[in-house]
Amino acid sequence: MTHITDVGNVKIHLTMGCFMICSDCYLVYCHKDAQEQRRSPGKKAKTGKPKQAKAVKKGPLPVKPKPKVKAPMQAQNLLIQVINRGKFLKVGETISVHAGDTLELRCRGKPVQWALPSYLEEEDEGRLRIVQHERYGVLTLINTTGADTGEYTCYPMFCEDTDCRKNYDKAIKVFVFFPDPQELFVPSSDYYEVIQLRSNWPTRLPCQVTSPAANVTLHREFPPVEVAVDGTEISFNVKKGFTIHRPRPYHAGALYCVANLGGLRQSSTKYMLIYLCGCFDYAIIYFNCHCLCLLPLTHIHSLTCNFFRSIFVSFYLYWEQIGRPLYTLESINSVGGGATGQQIQSILLVDEVRDVDQGAYTCTAENLQGSKSVSTTVKVLPKAKPPKP
């Protein structure tokens, strides 16, 4: 009996122990659950559900987004003007430096080269100094005058070992004015300048002023009148002067510019404008046979291309034809005593005409301003049969 009682006591103790352990676990779990509810009020506890495995789709790999490319630094930011000591100014298309002051430009690059106005290219008075530092080049011009007005260009250099060349795509330009109270125009040693007017090419009259604030007008010497500037036929740019966009014979003559600023009035160099026909307006080209040339088989024949031109303009005359290479002869004759024009004859020799010589033939006169062509068709006639006896 004693043994059975002991066994019963052991069972009771084990049952009570398991009950206490489960109670402790339940209390801990409830405590943790209460803490989570405090941290996230208003949120319901998620019931545990078994997660379903996602189906993996086989296919091309996702494309990674390309890294953002930084915008290139503005070219003009690579060129700065040094003002006084330690004071820098980013330059725009134009800047003004009073005559007598010092111009100092810094251009980023290792190394760089400078292009200057023609007046400074031959400067030998020691006013100009160019120094190349490790990361930038410095241009310094002292004792400046109105004659220094013009375009200054910095060329970053592309180097391979010891071979360096200018990088024209990254060239940085700035137009510098040097206002001079005594000189409104850039000085010139020429009393007059001869300029040719071509009907197919814009003509520019420099009339370069030293100050962008000057009021500039265009005048004709005889009859003494002011030339109208409408912005279409004739326009003005403070950096380039006057431009005649489509020159005509009535634009020829003696012209000059007048600048006004602060009560000061000055005239520029005189420009003698001579009108020339530089295009194909008055060029004539034709064949000795126009639409159709009939060439008998096995005979010797020739095609003549006649071309009239101005003596002041050069052209290149050439042939285009289908078939075998042929030979040409050229001759030049003066027209009107040789003072105004010339006649050019280009003769294409066709030796022993064959069937392959049949087709289109083109004679073209060409220069940098354009071209003018004339064409003809060659038809080869069958060999005449001998008469029957």
Protein backbone atom coordinates (compact mmCIF):
# COMPACT_ATOMS: atom_id res chain seq x y z
CA MET A 1 0.00 0.00 0.00
CA THR A 2 2.81 2.23 0.84
CA HIS A 3 4.29 1.72 -2.61
CA ILE A 4 1.05 2.50 -4.35
CA THR A 5 0.60 5.66 -2.28
CA ASP A 6 4.07 6.82 -3.19
CA VAL A 7 3.41 6.22 -6.83
CA GLY A 8 0.21 8.21 -6.62
CA ASN A 9 2.03 11.05 -4.88
CA VAL A 10 4.64 11.07 -7.63
CA LYS A 11 1.89 11.27 -10.29
CA ILE A 12 0.24 14.12 -8.46
CA HIS A 13 3.54 16.01 -8.16
CA LEU A 14 4.32 15.48 -11.86
CA THR A 15 0.87 16.65 -12.88
CA MET A 16 1.15 19.78 -10.74
CA GLY A 17 4.64 20.49 -12.13
CA CYS A 18 3.49 20.25 -15.75
CA PHE A 19 0.54 22.51 -14.92
CA MET A 20 2.83 25.12 -13.41
CA ILE A 21 5.24 25.00 -16.36
CA CYS A 22 2.39 25.45 -18.84
CA SER A 23 1.05 28.33 -16.79
CA ASP A 24 4.43 30.03 -16.79
CA CYS A 25 4.73 29.60 -20.56
CA TYR A 26 1.23 30.98 -21.06
CA LEU A 27 2.03 34.00 -18.88
CA VAL A 28 5.27 34.71 -20.78
CA TYR A 29 3.48 34.43 -24.12
CA CYS A 30 0.68 36.73 -22.97
CA HIS A 31 3.25 39.20 -21.62
CA LYS A 32 5.06 39.33 -24.97
CA ASP A 33 1.79 39.67 -26.82
CA ALA A 34 0.77 42.58 -24.65
CA GLN A 35 4.10 44.31 -25.28
CA GLU A 36 3.65 43.99 -29.05
CA GLN A 37 0.16 45.43 -28.82
CA ARG A 38 1.52 48.40 -26.87
CA ARG A 39 4.21 49.05 -29.46
CA SER A 40 1.76 48.91 -32.35
CA PRO A 41 -1.64 50.02 -31.10
CA GLY A 42 -4.59 49.51 -33.38
CA LYS A 43 -2.88 46.67 -35.27
CA LYS A 44 -4.22 43.18 -35.03
CA ALA A 45 -1.89 40.33 -34.53
CA LYS A 46 -1.44 38.28 -37.63
CA THR A 47 -2.56 34.73 -37.49
CA GLY A 48 0.14 32.38 -38.55
CA LYS A 49 -0.48 30.85 -41.91
CA PRO A 50 1.89 28.66 -43.85
CA LYS A 51 3.63 30.64 -46.60
CA GLN A 52 3.24 29.34 -50.08
CA ALA A 53 6.38 29.10 -52.18
CA LYS A 54 6.38 31.59 -55.04
CA ALA A 55 6.70 30.22 -58.53
CA VAL A 56 10.00 31.23 -60.13
CA LYS A 57 9.60 32.41 -63.71
CA LYS A 58 12.50 31.80 -65.97
CA GLY A 59 13.22 34.62 -68.37
CA PRO A 60 15.67 37.42 -69.21
CA LEU A 61 17.46 38.99 -66.33
CA PRO A 62 16.09 42.37 -65.20
CA VAL A 63 17.81 45.31 -66.84
CA LYS A 64 19.76 47.38 -64.38
CA PRO A 65 19.13 51.12 -64.58
CA LYS A 66 21.97 52.97 -66.21
CA PRO A 67 23.98 55.20 -63.92
CA LYS A 68 23.17 58.87 -64.27
CA VAL A 69 25.65 60.70 -66.42
CA LYS A 70 26.77 63.98 -65.02
CA ALA A 71 26.08 66.96 -67.23
CA PRO A 72 29.27 68.19 -68.89
CA MET A 73 30.75 71.30 -67.42
CA GLN A 74 29.96 74.38 -69.44
CA ALA A 75 32.89 75.30 -71.63
CA GLN A 76 32.70 78.95 -70.62
CA ASN A 77 33.23 77.96 -66.97
CA LEU A 78 36.71 76.77 -67.96
CA LEU A 79 37.70 80.35 -68.83
CA ILE A 80 37.74 83.00 -66.12
CA GLN A 81 38.94 86.58 -65.80
CA VAL A 82 41.18 87.55 -62.92
CA ILE A 83 40.23 90.92 -61.40
CA ASN A 84 42.61 92.52 -58.93
CA ARG A 85 44.01 90.06 -56.38
CA GLY A 86 42.25 86.75 -55.82
CA LYS A 87 39.01 87.94 -57.39
CA PHE A 88 37.68 85.87 -60.30
CA LEU A 89 34.86 86.44 -62.77
CA LYS A 90 33.30 83.94 -65.17
CA VAL A 91 33.36 85.32 -68.68
CA GLY A 92 30.48 85.36 -71.15
CA GLU A 93 30.54 85.92 -74.89
CA THR A 94 31.97 89.43 -74.42
CA ILE A 95 33.77 91.36 -71.70
CA SER A 96 35.01 94.96 -71.47
CA VAL A 97 38.34 96.10 -70.04
CA HIS A 98 39.12 99.81 -69.94
CA ALA A 99 42.08 100.85 -72.07
CA GLY A 100 45.19 101.04 -69.89
CA ASP A 101 44.03 98.30 -67.48
CA THR A 102 45.44 94.77 -67.38
CA LEU A 103 43.67 91.81 -68.96
CA GLU A 104 44.29 88.46 -67.27
CA LEU A 105 42.55 85.29 -68.44
CA ARG A 106 42.86 81.79 -67.01
CA CYS A 107 41.96 78.74 -69.08
CA ARG A 108 41.72 75.28 -67.55
CA GLY A 109 43.73 72.65 -69.39
CA LYS A 110 47.08 70.90 -69.40
CA PRO A 111 48.34 72.32 -71.70
CA VAL A 112 46.43 75.02 -73.65
CA GLN A 113 47.14 77.27 -76.62
CA TRP A 114 45.84 80.78 -77.31
CA ALA A 115 44.65 82.47 -80.50
CA LEU A 116 44.79 86.27 -80.45
CA PRO A 117 43.71 89.20 -82.63
CA SER A 118 46.04 89.70 -85.59
CA TYR A 119 47.39 92.91 -84.07
CA LEU A 120 48.78 90.98 -81.07
CA GLU A 121 50.20 88.10 -83.09
CA GLU A 122 53.20 90.32 -83.93
CA GLU A 123 53.38 92.04 -80.52
CA ASP A 124 57.01 92.52 -79.52
CA GLU A 125 56.78 95.24 -76.87
CA GLY A 126 56.66 92.84 -73.94
CA ARG A 127 53.04 93.65 -73.05
CA LEU A 128 51.85 90.09 -73.64
CA ARG A 129 52.79 87.17 -71.42
CA ILE A 130 51.51 83.59 -71.62
CA VAL A 131 52.37 81.10 -68.84
CA GLN A 132 51.36 77.44 -68.57
CA HIS A 133 50.81 76.11 -65.04
CA GLU A 134 50.14 72.53 -64.01
CA ARG A 135 46.36 72.67 -64.49
CA TYR A 136 45.68 75.91 -66.36
CA GLY A 137 47.19 78.49 -68.68
CA VAL A 138 47.35 82.23 -67.99
CA LEU A 139 47.26 85.06 -70.55
CA THR A 140 48.28 88.49 -69.25
CA LEU A 141 48.16 91.68 -71.32
CA ILE A 142 49.32 94.96 -69.76
CA ASN A 143 49.07 98.58 -70.93
CA THR A 144 46.08 97.70 -73.08
CA THR A 145 44.78 99.92 -75.90
CA GLY A 146 41.75 100.01 -78.15
CA ALA A 147 43.79 98.21 -80.81
CA ASP A 148 43.76 95.07 -78.62
CA THR A 149 39.99 94.68 -79.19
CA GLY A 150 39.10 91.35 -80.73
CA GLU A 151 38.44 87.67 -80.14
CA TYR A 152 40.59 85.66 -77.74
CA THR A 153 40.41 81.86 -78.00
CA CYS A 154 41.72 79.14 -75.69
CA TYR A 155 42.34 75.70 -77.20
CA PRO A 156 42.75 72.73 -74.82
CA MET A 157 45.44 70.45 -76.23
CA PHE A 158 45.10 66.71 -76.79
CA CYS A 159 48.49 65.06 -76.32
CA GLU A 160 49.84 61.60 -77.03
CA ASP A 161 53.37 61.33 -75.67
CA THR A 162 55.08 64.39 -77.18
CA ASP A 163 52.60 64.88 -80.04
CA CYS A 164 49.98 67.53 -79.20
CA ARG A 165 47.19 69.05 -81.29
CA LYS A 166 44.39 71.54 -80.70
CA ASN A 167 41.00 70.28 -79.59
CA TYR A 168 38.79 72.53 -81.73
CA ASP A 169 35.55 71.05 -80.35
CA LYS A 170 36.38 72.34 -76.86
CA ALA A 171 37.67 75.75 -77.92
CA ILE A 172 36.58 78.60 -75.62
CA LYS A 173 36.11 82.04 -77.15
CA VAL A 174 35.54 85.47 -75.66
CA PHE A 175 35.37 88.82 -77.43
CA VAL A 176 37.17 91.52 -75.45
CA PHE A 177 36.41 95.23 -75.89
CA PHE A 178 38.89 97.86 -74.70
CA PRO A 179 36.86 101.11 -74.56
CA ASP A 180 39.09 104.07 -75.32
CA PRO A 181 37.71 107.61 -74.86
CA GLN A 182 39.94 108.82 -77.71
CA GLU A 183 39.53 105.94 -80.20
CA LEU A 184 36.06 104.65 -81.08
CA PHE A 185 37.34 102.42 -83.91
CA VAL A 186 40.19 99.91 -83.82
CA PRO A 187 43.09 101.83 -85.42
CA SER A 188 44.22 100.84 -88.92
CA SER A 189 47.27 101.83 -90.91
CA ASP A 190 45.30 101.66 -94.20
CA TYR A 191 43.50 104.74 -95.46
CA TYR A 192 41.15 102.57 -97.52
CA GLU A 193 40.52 98.87 -98.00
CA VAL A 194 39.36 97.16 -101.21
CA ILE A 195 36.59 94.60 -100.73
CA GLN A 196 35.11 92.43 -103.47
CA LEU A 197 31.33 92.01 -103.63
CA ARG A 198 30.20 88.63 -104.93
CA SER A 199 26.56 88.06 -105.79
CA ASN A 200 26.44 84.65 -104.08
CA TRP A 201 28.55 85.37 -101.02
CA PRO A 202 27.94 87.67 -97.99
CA THR A 203 30.35 90.61 -97.71
CA ARG A 204 31.53 92.00 -94.37
CA LEU A 205 32.70 95.53 -93.58
CA PRO A 206 34.59 95.18 -90.26
CA CYS A 207 34.06 98.71 -88.81
CA GLN A 208 35.28 97.31 -85.48
CA VAL A 209 34.49 99.57 -82.52
CA THR A 210 36.36 99.53 -79.22
CA SER A 211 33.22 99.94 -77.11
CA PRO A 212 29.98 97.94 -77.39
CA ALA A 213 28.05 101.07 -76.32
CA ALA A 214 28.99 103.05 -79.46
CA ASN A 215 26.24 103.86 -81.96
CA VAL A 216 27.47 102.89 -85.45
CA THR A 217 25.97 103.89 -88.81
CA LEU A 218 26.96 103.13 -92.42
CA HIS A 219 27.47 105.93 -94.96
CA ARG A 220 28.18 106.30 -98.68
CA GLU A 221 30.83 108.80 -99.75
CA PHE A 222 29.17 109.78 -103.02
CA PRO A 223 26.42 110.72 -103.05
CA PRO A 224 26.85 111.54 -99.32
CA VAL A 225 23.96 109.60 -97.76
CA GLU A 226 23.42 107.21 -94.88
CA VAL A 227 22.91 103.61 -96.00
CA ALA A 228 19.75 101.99 -94.64
CA VAL A 229 20.41 98.98 -92.37
CA ASP A 230 17.21 96.91 -92.21
CA GLY A 231 18.65 93.74 -90.67
CA THR A 232 17.74 91.66 -93.72
CA GLU A 233 19.66 93.02 -96.70
CA ILE A 234 22.28 94.67 -94.47
CA SER A 235 22.77 93.91 -90.77
CA PHE A 236 25.12 95.05 -88.00
CA ASN A 237 26.86 93.05 -85.30
CA VAL A 238 29.00 94.80 -82.69
CA LYS A 239 31.62 92.03 -82.95
CA LYS A 240 31.64 91.64 -86.75
CA GLY A 241 30.59 94.98 -88.20
CA PHE A 242 28.22 95.38 -91.16
CA THR A 243 27.26 92.42 -93.37
CA ILE A 244 25.77 92.73 -96.87
CA HIS A 245 23.99 89.39 -97.18
CA ARG A 246 23.18 89.39 -100.91
CA PRO A 247 25.47 91.87 -102.68
CA ARG A 248 24.12 93.59 -105.78
CA PRO A 249 25.73 96.02 -108.25
CA TYR A 250 24.15 99.05 -106.52
CA HIS A 251 26.06 98.19 -103.30
CA ALA A 252 29.38 98.99 -105.01
CA GLY A 253 31.19 102.26 -104.27
CA ALA A 254 33.05 103.97 -101.42
CA LEU A 255 31.52 103.35 -97.98
CA TYR A 256 32.60 104.15 -94.42
CA CYS A 257 31.27 103.85 -90.87
CA VAL A 258 30.54 106.57 -88.31
CA ALA A 259 30.56 105.95 -84.54
CA ASN A 260 29.05 108.18 -81.85
CA LEU A 261 29.64 107.87 -78.11
CA GLY A 262 29.51 110.47 -75.36
CA GLY A 263 29.58 113.45 -77.72
CA LEU A 264 32.56 112.02 -79.67
CA ARG A 265 32.05 111.30 -83.40
CA GLN A 266 34.62 109.47 -85.53
CA SER A 267 34.81 107.89 -88.99
CA SER A 268 36.33 104.54 -89.90
CA THR A 269 38.57 103.42 -92.72
CA LYS A 270 37.02 103.78 -96.17
CA TYR A 271 35.95 100.60 -97.93
CA MET A 272 36.09 100.47 -101.73
CA LEU A 273 33.47 97.90 -102.76
CA ILE A 274 33.91 96.33 -106.21
CA TYR A 275 31.12 94.15 -107.55
CA LEU A 276 32.07 90.83 -109.16
CA CYS A 277 29.89 88.01 -110.36
CA GLY A 278 31.18 85.10 -108.31
CA CYS A 279 28.44 82.64 -109.11
CA PHE A 280 26.74 80.98 -112.06
CA ASP A 281 24.17 83.71 -112.71
CA TYR A 282 26.00 84.78 -115.83
CA ALA A 283 27.81 81.53 -116.56
CA ILE A 284 26.70 79.86 -119.81
CA ILE A 285 27.39 76.25 -120.65
CA TYR A 286 26.11 74.31 -123.67
CA PHE A 287 26.90 71.46 -126.08
CA ASN A 288 27.45 71.68 -129.80
CA CYS A 289 24.58 69.17 -130.07
CA HIS A 290 21.83 69.82 -127.56
CA CYS A 291 19.35 67.02 -126.90
CA LEU A 292 20.61 64.21 -129.09
CA CYS A 293 23.92 63.50 -130.75
CA LEU A 294 23.96 60.88 -133.49
CA LEU A 295 27.31 59.18 -133.97
CA PRO A 296 27.89 56.70 -136.78
CA LEU A 297 29.45 53.39 -135.75
CA THR A 298 33.27 53.05 -136.16
CA HIS A 299 33.63 56.75 -137.02
CA ILE A 300 35.78 59.30 -135.18
CA HIS A 301 33.67 61.99 -133.57
CA SER A 302 33.79 64.63 -130.83
CA LEU A 303 31.53 66.42 -128.36
CA THR A 304 32.23 70.08 -127.58
CA CYS A 305 31.26 71.67 -124.26
CA ASN A 306 31.31 75.49 -124.37
CA PHE A 307 31.54 77.46 -121.14
CA PHE A 308 31.58 81.24 -120.64
CA ARG A 309 32.80 82.62 -117.32
CA SER A 310 34.08 85.73 -115.53
CA ILE A 311 37.86 86.15 -115.53
CA PHE A 312 37.77 86.78 -111.77
CA VAL A 313 36.30 83.40 -110.92
CA SER A 314 37.95 80.02 -111.43
CA PHE A 315 36.07 76.81 -112.29
CA TYR A 316 36.85 73.16 -112.70
CA LEU A 317 35.40 71.59 -115.84
CA TYR A 318 34.89 67.82 -116.05
CA TRP A 319 32.90 65.14 -117.90
CA GLU A 320 30.69 62.29 -116.81
CA GLN A 321 29.82 59.50 -119.22
CA ILE A 322 28.93 55.81 -119.33
CA GLY A 323 31.33 53.48 -121.07
CA ARG A 324 35.02 53.45 -121.73
CA PRO A 325 37.43 56.25 -120.69
CA LEU A 326 37.67 58.99 -123.29
CA TYR A 327 40.06 61.84 -123.98
CA THR A 328 39.47 65.60 -123.69
CA LEU A 329 41.14 68.72 -125.03
CA GLU A 330 40.60 72.20 -123.61
CA SER A 331 41.12 75.68 -125.04
CA ILE A 332 40.56 79.16 -123.55
CA ASN A 333 39.63 82.23 -125.59
CA SER A 334 39.11 85.79 -124.38
CA VAL A 335 35.73 87.48 -124.73
CA GLY A 336 35.34 91.25 -124.97
CA GLY A 337 39.07 91.90 -125.25
CA GLY A 338 39.82 89.73 -122.21
CA ALA A 339 38.72 92.40 -119.73
CA THR A 340 35.47 90.78 -118.60
CA GLY A 341 35.17 87.12 -119.52
CA GLN A 342 36.53 83.99 -121.13
CA GLN A 343 35.21 81.17 -123.26
CA ILE A 344 36.38 77.66 -122.43
CA GLN A 345 35.94 74.81 -124.88
CA SER A 346 36.31 71.26 -123.69
CA ILE A 347 36.32 68.75 -126.53
CA LEU A 348 35.66 65.10 -125.76
CA LEU A 349 37.14 62.83 -128.43
CA VAL A 350 35.29 59.66 -129.35
CA ASP A 351 37.65 57.42 -131.31
CA GLU A 352 36.06 54.62 -133.33
CA VAL A 353 32.56 54.88 -131.95
CA ARG A 354 31.22 51.63 -130.44
CA ASP A 355 27.94 50.48 -128.98
CA VAL A 356 29.24 50.99 -125.40
CA ASP A 357 29.62 54.72 -126.11
CA GLN A 358 25.86 55.14 -126.28
CA GLY A 359 24.19 56.89 -123.31
CA ALA A 360 24.11 60.16 -121.37
CA TYR A 361 27.06 62.56 -121.33
CA THR A 362 27.32 65.43 -118.82
CA CYS A 363 29.66 68.41 -118.79
CA THR A 364 29.94 70.17 -115.40
CA ALA A 365 31.60 73.41 -114.31
CA GLU A 366 32.19 73.53 -110.57
CA ASN A 367 33.84 75.66 -107.87
CA LEU A 368 33.42 76.20 -104.13
CA GLN A 369 30.26 78.27 -104.66
CA GLY A 370 28.35 75.67 -106.66
CA SER A 371 28.11 73.92 -109.99
CA LYS A 372 26.32 74.09 -113.32
CA SER A 373 25.84 71.17 -115.69
CA VAL A 374 24.51 70.40 -119.15
CA SER A 375 23.71 66.93 -120.51
CA THR A 376 23.13 65.31 -123.85
CA THR A 377 22.29 61.84 -125.08
CA VAL A 378 24.49 59.99 -127.54
CA LYS A 379 22.89 57.44 -129.86
CA VAL A 380 25.11 55.20 -131.91
CA LEU A 381 23.85 54.58 -135.44
CA PRO A 382 24.35 51.18 -137.05
CA LYS A 383 27.02 50.84 -139.67
CA ALA A 384 25.69 51.72 -143.07
CA LYS A 385 25.46 48.74 -145.39
CA PRO A 386 27.36 49.02 -148.67
CA PRO A 387 25.11 49.50 -151.68
CA LYS A 388 24.41 46.42 -153.70
CA PRO A 389 26.14 46.30 -157.08
